[in-house]
Amino acid sequence: MKPVKVFSLSTCSHCKATKKLLGECTIKYDFVDVDLLQGEERAAILEEVKKFNPNCSFPTVIIGEKVIVGFKEKEIREALGL
């Protein structure tokens, strides 16, 4: 299984939908709610997000080597091989 990481905002409906989809597919994933971080930790995570998504929009989903920006169920399922 490819590693899955989600950069999200705690208040974002698209971010919540992405996490819900991954949960329903019983996919193990790591996530960071960027808006809940502060100071240097938040700045460091935002720099990491910009490496994958220069616009720094959410959710930014990394599945293996594939980056998906936004809640794109079909793309997420394809990247997961579902």
PDB file of N, CA and C in Angstrom:
ATOM      1  N   MET A   1       0.842  -1.186   0.000  1.00  0.00           N
ATOM      2  CA  MET A   1       0.000   0.000   0.000  1.00  0.00           C
ATOM      3  C   MET A   1       0.887   1.250   0.000  1.00  0.00           C
ATOM      4  N   LYS A   2       0.521   2.210  -0.830  1.00  0.00           N
ATOM      5  CA  LYS A   2       1.272   3.459  -0.919  1.00  0.00           C
ATOM      6  C   LYS A   2       1.004   4.305   0.323  1.00  0.00           C
ATOM      7  N   PRO A   3       2.032   5.055   0.780  1.00  0.00           N
ATOM      8  CA  PRO A   3       1.770   5.953   1.910  1.00  0.00           C
ATOM      9  C   PRO A   3       0.827   7.086   1.488  1.00  0.00           C
ATOM     10  N   VAL A   4      -0.058   7.467   2.408  1.00  0.00           N
ATOM     11  CA  VAL A   4      -1.034   8.521   2.123  1.00  0.00           C
ATOM     12  C   VAL A   4      -0.900   9.599   3.191  1.00  0.00           C
ATOM     13  N   LYS A   5      -0.765  10.852   2.745  1.00  0.00           N
ATOM     14  CA  LYS A   5      -0.672  11.984   3.670  1.00  0.00           C
ATOM     15  C   LYS A   5      -1.646  13.052   3.199  1.00  0.00           C
ATOM     16  N   VAL A   6      -2.359  13.641   4.146  1.00  0.00           N
ATOM     17  CA  VAL A   6      -3.331  14.688   3.834  1.00  0.00           C
ATOM     18  C   VAL A   6      -2.970  15.944   4.624  1.00  0.00           C
ATOM     19  N   PHE A   7      -2.796  17.029   3.911  1.00  0.00           N
ATOM     20  CA  PHE A   7      -2.644  18.341   4.540  1.00  0.00           C
ATOM     21  C   PHE A   7      -4.003  19.002   4.429  1.00  0.00           C
ATOM     22  N   SER A   8      -4.575  19.386   5.571  1.00  0.00           N
ATOM     23  CA  SER A   8      -5.953  19.866   5.568  1.00  0.00           C
ATOM     24  C   SER A   8      -6.140  21.033   6.536  1.00  0.00           C
ATOM     25  N   LEU A   9      -7.353  21.557   6.512  1.00  0.00           N
ATOM     26  CA  LEU A   9      -7.787  22.565   7.479  1.00  0.00           C
ATOM     27  C   LEU A   9      -8.940  21.943   8.261  1.00  0.00           C
ATOM     28  N   SER A  10      -8.977  22.177   9.554  1.00  0.00           N
ATOM     29  CA  SER A  10      -9.990  21.535  10.409  1.00  0.00           C
ATOM     30  C   SER A  10     -11.414  21.977  10.068  1.00  0.00           C
ATOM     31  N   THR A  11     -11.566  23.149   9.458  1.00  0.00           N
ATOM     32  CA  THR A  11     -12.899  23.697   9.184  1.00  0.00           C
ATOM     33  C   THR A  11     -13.337  23.522   7.727  1.00  0.00           C
ATOM     34  N   CYS A  12     -12.513  22.892   6.909  1.00  0.00           N
ATOM     35  CA  CYS A  12     -12.743  22.797   5.461  1.00  0.00           C
ATOM     36  C   CYS A  12     -13.638  21.601   5.118  1.00  0.00           C
ATOM     37  N   SER A  13     -14.761  21.846   4.443  1.00  0.00           N
ATOM     38  CA  SER A  13     -15.678  20.760   4.097  1.00  0.00           C
ATOM     39  C   SER A  13     -15.052  19.784   3.105  1.00  0.00           C
ATOM     40  N   HIS A  14     -14.240  20.273   2.175  1.00  0.00           N
ATOM     41  CA  HIS A  14     -13.581  19.384   1.213  1.00  0.00           C
ATOM     42  C   HIS A  14     -12.542  18.506   1.914  1.00  0.00           C
ATOM     43  N   CYS A  15     -11.874  19.069   2.906  1.00  0.00           N
ATOM     44  CA  CYS A  15     -10.897  18.306   3.694  1.00  0.00           C
ATOM     45  C   CYS A  15     -11.604  17.200   4.475  1.00  0.00           C
ATOM     46  N   LYS A  16     -12.730  17.544   5.079  1.00  0.00           N
ATOM     47  CA  LYS A  16     -13.502  16.547   5.840  1.00  0.00           C
ATOM     48  C   LYS A  16     -13.991  15.434   4.927  1.00  0.00           C
ATOM     49  N   ALA A  17     -14.435  15.792   3.728  1.00  0.00           N
ATOM     50  CA  ALA A  17     -14.924  14.789   2.774  1.00  0.00           C
ATOM     51  C   ALA A  17     -13.790  13.861   2.347  1.00  0.00           C
ATOM     52  N   THR A  18     -12.592  14.412   2.177  1.00  0.00           N
ATOM     53  CA  THR A  18     -11.440  13.601   1.794  1.00  0.00           C
ATOM     54  C   THR A  18     -11.106  12.595   2.893  1.00  0.00           C
ATOM     55  N   LYS A  19     -11.059  13.055   4.141  1.00  0.00           N
ATOM     56  CA  LYS A  19     -10.755  12.161   5.266  1.00  0.00           C
ATOM     57  C   LYS A  19     -11.852  11.102   5.417  1.00  0.00           C
ATOM     58  N   LYS A  20     -13.105  11.505   5.208  1.00  0.00           N
ATOM     59  CA  LYS A  20     -14.218  10.555   5.311  1.00  0.00           C
ATOM     60  C   LYS A  20     -14.084   9.467   4.251  1.00  0.00           C
ATOM     61  N   LEU A  21     -13.758   9.864   3.021  1.00  0.00           N
ATOM     62  CA  LEU A  21     -13.578   8.902   1.937  1.00  0.00           C
ATOM     63  C   LEU A  21     -12.467   7.910   2.276  1.00  0.00           C
ATOM     64  N   LEU A  22     -11.333   8.414   2.732  1.00  0.00           N
ATOM     65  CA  LEU A  22     -10.219   7.529   3.085  1.00  0.00           C
ATOM     66  C   LEU A  22     -10.624   6.576   4.205  1.00  0.00           C
ATOM     67  N   GLY A  23     -11.368   7.080   5.179  1.00  0.00           N
ATOM     68  CA  GLY A  23     -11.838   6.241   6.275  1.00  0.00           C
ATOM     69  C   GLY A  23     -12.787   5.158   5.799  1.00  0.00           C
ATOM     70  N   GLU A  24     -13.709   5.533   4.906  1.00  0.00           N
ATOM     71  CA  GLU A  24     -14.670   4.567   4.367  1.00  0.00           C
ATOM     72  C   GLU A  24     -13.975   3.487   3.547  1.00  0.00           C
ATOM     73  N   CYS A  25     -12.859   3.857   2.921  1.00  0.00           N
ATOM     74  CA  CYS A  25     -12.090   2.890   2.113  1.00  0.00           C
ATOM     75  C   CYS A  25     -11.114   2.104   2.984  1.00  0.00           C
ATOM     76  N   THR A  26     -11.169   2.320   4.285  1.00  0.00           N
ATOM     77  CA  THR A  26     -10.273   1.701   5.277  1.00  0.00           C
ATOM     78  C   THR A  26      -8.803   1.862   4.904  1.00  0.00           C
ATOM     79  N   ILE A  27      -8.470   3.076   4.474  1.00  0.00           N
ATOM     80  CA  ILE A  27      -7.093   3.415   4.121  1.00  0.00           C
ATOM     81  C   ILE A  27      -6.430   4.041   5.336  1.00  0.00           C
ATOM     82  N   LYS A  28      -5.233   3.546   5.673  1.00  0.00           N
ATOM     83  CA  LYS A  28      -4.464   4.190   6.738  1.00  0.00           C
ATOM     84  C   LYS A  28      -3.788   5.410   6.136  1.00  0.00           C
ATOM     85  N   TYR A  29      -3.910   6.542   6.821  1.00  0.00           N
ATOM     86  CA  TYR A  29      -3.300   7.761   6.312  1.00  0.00           C
ATOM     87  C   TYR A  29      -2.884   8.656   7.470  1.00  0.00           C
ATOM     88  N   ASP A  30      -1.913   9.509   7.180  1.00  0.00           N
ATOM     89  CA  ASP A  30      -1.492  10.534   8.128  1.00  0.00           C
ATOM     90  C   ASP A  30      -2.104  11.842   7.668  1.00  0.00           C
ATOM     91  N   PHE A  31      -2.453  12.695   8.619  1.00  0.00           N
ATOM     92  CA  PHE A  31      -2.963  14.008   8.228  1.00  0.00           C
ATOM     93  C   PHE A  31      -2.484  15.070   9.206  1.00  0.00           C
ATOM     94  N   VAL A  32      -2.460  16.289   8.697  1.00  0.00           N
ATOM     95  CA  VAL A  32      -2.113  17.447   9.517  1.00  0.00           C
ATOM     96  C   VAL A  32      -3.171  18.511   9.265  1.00  0.00           C
ATOM     97  N   ASP A  33      -3.858  18.946  10.323  1.00  0.00           N
ATOM     98  CA  ASP A  33      -4.760  20.092  10.223  1.00  0.00           C
ATOM     99  C   ASP A  33      -3.904  21.344  10.432  1.00  0.00           C
ATOM    100  N   VAL A  34      -3.505  21.947   9.327  1.00  0.00           N
ATOM    101  CA  VAL A  34      -2.530  23.035   9.345  1.00  0.00           C
ATOM    102  C   VAL A  34      -3.009  24.221  10.173  1.00  0.00           C
ATOM    103  N   ASP A  35      -4.307  24.505  10.141  1.00  0.00           N
ATOM    104  CA  ASP A  35      -4.824  25.671  10.861  1.00  0.00           C
ATOM    105  C   ASP A  35      -4.761  25.506  12.383  1.00  0.00           C
ATOM    106  N   LEU A  36      -4.537  24.280  12.856  1.00  0.00           N
ATOM    107  CA  LEU A  36      -4.440  24.062  14.303  1.00  0.00           C
ATOM    108  C   LEU A  36      -3.009  24.178  14.816  1.00  0.00           C
ATOM    109  N   LEU A  37      -2.064  24.316  13.896  1.00  0.00           N
ATOM    110  CA  LEU A  37      -0.656  24.473  14.286  1.00  0.00           C
ATOM    111  C   LEU A  37      -0.359  25.951  14.526  1.00  0.00           C
ATOM    112  N   GLN A  38       0.748  26.195  15.237  1.00  0.00           N
ATOM    113  CA  GLN A  38       1.134  27.581  15.508  1.00  0.00           C
ATOM    114  C   GLN A  38       2.625  27.758  15.300  1.00  0.00           C
ATOM    115  N   GLY A  39       3.018  29.008  15.098  1.00  0.00           N
ATOM    116  CA  GLY A  39       4.425  29.387  15.092  1.00  0.00           C
ATOM    117  C   GLY A  39       5.270  28.649  14.068  1.00  0.00           C
ATOM    118  N   GLU A  40       6.457  28.228  14.517  1.00  0.00           N
ATOM    119  CA  GLU A  40       7.433  27.602  13.621  1.00  0.00           C
ATOM    120  C   GLU A  40       6.923  26.293  13.047  1.00  0.00           C
ATOM    121  N   GLU A  41       6.175  25.531  13.837  1.00  0.00           N
ATOM    122  CA  GLU A  41       5.638  24.260  13.345  1.00  0.00           C
ATOM    123  C   GLU A  41       4.708  24.507  12.156  1.00  0.00           C
ATOM    124  N   ARG A  42       3.844  25.509  12.279  1.00  0.00           N
ATOM    125  CA  ARG A  42       2.922  25.849  11.189  1.00  0.00           C
ATOM    126  C   ARG A  42       3.688  26.322   9.962  1.00  0.00           C
ATOM    127  N   ALA A  43       4.677  27.182  10.159  1.00  0.00           N
ATOM    128  CA  ALA A  43       5.484  27.703   9.042  1.00  0.00           C
ATOM    129  C   ALA A  43       6.197  26.560   8.323  1.00  0.00           C
ATOM    130  N   ALA A  44       6.737  25.612   9.075  1.00  0.00           N
ATOM    131  CA  ALA A  44       7.455  24.482   8.483  1.00  0.00           C
ATOM    132  C   ALA A  44       6.516  23.610   7.653  1.00  0.00           C
ATOM    133  N   ILE A  45       5.329  23.342   8.173  1.00  0.00           N
ATOM    134  CA  ILE A  45       4.361  22.517   7.445  1.00  0.00           C
ATOM    135  C   ILE A  45       3.897  23.238   6.180  1.00  0.00           C
ATOM    136  N   LEU A  46       3.667  24.545   6.260  1.00  0.00           N
ATOM    137  CA  LEU A  46       3.248  25.296   5.068  1.00  0.00           C
ATOM    138  C   LEU A  46       4.322  25.248   3.994  1.00  0.00           C
ATOM    139  N   GLU A  47       5.591  25.281   4.380  1.00  0.00           N
ATOM    140  CA  GLU A  47       6.686  25.149   3.404  1.00  0.00           C
ATOM    141  C   GLU A  47       6.653  23.766   2.768  1.00  0.00           C
ATOM    142  N   GLU A  48       6.359  22.742   3.558  1.00  0.00           N
ATOM    143  CA  GLU A  48       6.264  21.380   3.029  1.00  0.00           C
ATOM    144  C   GLU A  48       5.104  21.272   2.032  1.00  0.00           C
ATOM    145  N   VAL A  49       3.958  21.864   2.376  1.00  0.00           N
ATOM    146  CA  VAL A  49       2.797  21.840   1.474  1.00  0.00           C
ATOM    147  C   VAL A  49       3.164  22.508   0.149  1.00  0.00           C
ATOM    148  N   LYS A  50       3.862  23.638   0.194  1.00  0.00           N
ATOM    149  CA  LYS A  50       4.218  24.387  -1.017  1.00  0.00           C
ATOM    150  C   LYS A  50       5.104  23.578  -1.956  1.00  0.00           C
ATOM    151  N   LYS A  51       5.866  22.612  -1.419  1.00  0.00           N
ATOM    152  CA  LYS A  51       6.689  21.745  -2.281  1.00  0.00           C
ATOM    153  C   LYS A  51       5.794  20.897  -3.189  1.00  0.00           C
ATOM    154  N   PHE A  52       4.653  20.484  -2.668  1.00  0.00           N
ATOM    155  CA  PHE A  52       3.724  19.648  -3.419  1.00  0.00           C
ATOM    156  C   PHE A  52       2.696  20.478  -4.174  1.00  0.00           C
ATOM    157  N   ASN A  53       2.311  21.611  -3.592  1.00  0.00           N
ATOM    158  CA  ASN A  53       1.223  22.435  -4.112  1.00  0.00           C
ATOM    159  C   ASN A  53       1.585  23.908  -3.886  1.00  0.00           C
ATOM    160  N   PRO A  54       2.223  24.535  -4.889  1.00  0.00           N
ATOM    161  CA  PRO A  54       2.680  25.930  -4.729  1.00  0.00           C
ATOM    162  C   PRO A  54       1.585  26.912  -4.333  1.00  0.00           C
ATOM    163  N   ASN A  55       0.325  26.614  -4.678  1.00  0.00           N
ATOM    164  CA  ASN A  55      -0.786  27.495  -4.308  1.00  0.00           C
ATOM    165  C   ASN A  55      -1.164  27.357  -2.838  1.00  0.00           C
ATOM    166  N   CYS A  56      -0.674  26.282  -2.203  1.00  0.00           N
ATOM    167  CA  CYS A  56      -0.912  26.048  -0.776  1.00  0.00           C
ATOM    168  C   CYS A  56      -2.405  26.036  -0.458  1.00  0.00           C
ATOM    169  N   SER A  57      -3.157  25.294  -1.276  1.00  0.00           N
ATOM    170  CA  SER A  57      -4.593  25.162  -1.039  1.00  0.00           C
ATOM    171  C   SER A  57      -4.875  23.791  -0.435  1.00  0.00           C
ATOM    172  N   PHE A  58      -6.075  23.634   0.088  1.00  0.00           N
ATOM    173  CA  PHE A  58      -6.406  22.429   0.850  1.00  0.00           C
ATOM    174  C   PHE A  58      -7.700  21.804   0.369  1.00  0.00           C
ATOM    175  N   PRO A  59      -7.826  20.485   0.480  1.00  0.00           N
ATOM    176  CA  PRO A  59      -6.796  19.567   0.952  1.00  0.00           C
ATOM    177  C   PRO A  59      -5.732  19.320  -0.113  1.00  0.00           C
ATOM    178  N   THR A  60      -4.530  19.066   0.334  1.00  0.00           N
ATOM    179  CA  THR A  60      -3.457  18.579  -0.529  1.00  0.00           C
ATOM    180  C   THR A  60      -3.215  17.139  -0.090  1.00  0.00           C
ATOM    181  N   VAL A  61      -3.443  16.212  -1.009  1.00  0.00           N
ATOM    182  CA  VAL A  61      -3.360  14.785  -0.713  1.00  0.00           C
ATOM    183  C   VAL A  61      -2.181  14.198  -1.476  1.00  0.00           C
ATOM    184  N   ILE A  62      -1.309  13.490  -0.770  1.00  0.00           N
ATOM    185  CA  ILE A  62      -0.175  12.831  -1.404  1.00  0.00           C
ATOM    186  C   ILE A  62      -0.377  11.331  -1.241  1.00  0.00           C
ATOM    187  N   ILE A  63      -0.473  10.642  -2.372  1.00  0.00           N
ATOM    188  CA  ILE A  63      -0.633   9.183  -2.380  1.00  0.00           C
ATOM    189  C   ILE A  63       0.553   8.629  -3.157  1.00  0.00           C
ATOM    190  N   GLY A  64       1.503   8.053  -2.439  1.00  0.00           N
ATOM    191  CA  GLY A  64       2.733   7.618  -3.086  1.00  0.00           C
ATOM    192  C   GLY A  64       3.434   8.833  -3.673  1.00  0.00           C
ATOM    193  N   GLU A  65       3.598   8.863  -4.987  1.00  0.00           N
ATOM    194  CA  GLU A  65       4.231   9.998  -5.676  1.00  0.00           C
ATOM    195  C   GLU A  65       3.205  10.955  -6.264  1.00  0.00           C
ATOM    196  N   LYS A  66       1.929  10.621  -6.188  1.00  0.00           N
ATOM    197  CA  LYS A  66       0.882  11.437  -6.815  1.00  0.00           C
ATOM    198  C   LYS A  66       0.349  12.482  -5.846  1.00  0.00           C
ATOM    199  N   VAL A  67       0.203  13.702  -6.359  1.00  0.00           N
ATOM    200  CA  VAL A  67      -0.348  14.800  -5.569  1.00  0.00           C
ATOM    201  C   VAL A  67      -1.722  15.160  -6.143  1.00  0.00           C
ATOM    202  N   ILE A  68      -2.724  15.195  -5.264  1.00  0.00           N
ATOM    203  CA  ILE A  68      -4.083  15.563  -5.658  1.00  0.00           C
ATOM    204  C   ILE A  68      -4.493  16.755  -4.802  1.00  0.00           C
ATOM    205  N   VAL A  69      -4.881  17.828  -5.463  1.00  0.00           N
ATOM    206  CA  VAL A  69      -5.296  19.034  -4.742  1.00  0.00           C
ATOM    207  C   VAL A  69      -6.806  19.148  -4.836  1.00  0.00           C
ATOM    208  N   GLY A  70      -7.448  19.218  -3.672  1.00  0.00           N
ATOM    209  CA  GLY A  70      -8.904  19.299  -3.637  1.00  0.00           C
ATOM    210  C   GLY A  70      -9.514  17.926  -3.422  1.00  0.00           C
ATOM    211  N   PHE A  71     -10.828  17.913  -3.222  1.00  0.00           N
ATOM    212  CA  PHE A  71     -11.537  16.655  -3.042  1.00  0.00           C
ATOM    213  C   PHE A  71     -11.949  16.148  -4.413  1.00  0.00           C
ATOM    214  N   LYS A  72     -11.141  15.228  -4.946  1.00  0.00           N
ATOM    215  CA  LYS A  72     -11.394  14.641  -6.263  1.00  0.00           C
ATOM    216  C   LYS A  72     -11.508  13.135  -6.065  1.00  0.00           C
ATOM    217  N   GLU A  73     -12.721  12.697  -5.738  1.00  0.00           N
ATOM    218  CA  GLU A  73     -12.932  11.304  -5.346  1.00  0.00           C
ATOM    219  C   GLU A  73     -12.408  10.321  -6.383  1.00  0.00           C
ATOM    220  N   LYS A  74     -12.704  10.555  -7.650  1.00  0.00           N
ATOM    221  CA  LYS A  74     -12.277   9.614  -8.704  1.00  0.00           C
ATOM    222  C   LYS A  74     -10.756   9.510  -8.746  1.00  0.00           C
ATOM    223  N   GLU A  75     -10.068  10.650  -8.720  1.00  0.00           N
ATOM    224  CA  GLU A  75      -8.602  10.648  -8.747  1.00  0.00           C
ATOM    225  C   GLU A  75      -8.023   9.961  -7.516  1.00  0.00           C
ATOM    226  N   ILE A  76      -8.622  10.208  -6.360  1.00  0.00           N
ATOM    227  CA  ILE A  76      -8.134   9.590  -5.116  1.00  0.00           C
ATOM    228  C   ILE A  76      -8.298   8.079  -5.196  1.00  0.00           C
ATOM    229  N   ARG A  77      -9.469   7.621  -5.624  1.00  0.00           N
ATOM    230  CA  ARG A  77      -9.715   6.183  -5.744  1.00  0.00           C
ATOM    231  C   ARG A  77      -8.740   5.540  -6.746  1.00  0.00           C
ATOM    232  N   GLU A  78      -8.505   6.212  -7.884  1.00  0.00           N
ATOM    233  CA  GLU A  78      -7.578   5.679  -8.881  1.00  0.00           C
ATOM    234  C   GLU A  78      -6.167   5.589  -8.323  1.00  0.00           C
ATOM    235  N   ALA A  79      -5.733   6.636  -7.622  1.00  0.00           N
ATOM    236  CA  ALA A  79      -4.380   6.647  -7.054  1.00  0.00           C
ATOM    237  C   ALA A  79      -4.208   5.544  -6.006  1.00  0.00           C
ATOM    238  N   LEU A  80      -5.302   5.213  -5.326  1.00  0.00           N
ATOM    239  CA  LEU A  80      -5.262   4.151  -4.301  1.00  0.00           C
ATOM    240  C   LEU A  80      -5.434   2.757  -4.925  1.00  0.00           C
ATOM    241  N   GLY A  81      -5.788   2.712  -6.211  1.00  0.00           N
ATOM    242  CA  GLY A  81      -6.017   1.447  -6.878  1.00  0.00           C
ATOM    243  C   GLY A  81      -7.336   0.810  -6.487  1.00  0.00           C
ATOM    244  N   LEU A  82      -8.342   1.655  -6.192  1.00  0.00           N
ATOM    245  CA  LEU A  82      -9.658   1.141  -5.786  1.00  0.00           C
ATOM    246  C   LEU A  82     -10.641   1.191  -6.937  1.00  0.00           C
TER     247      LEU A  82
END
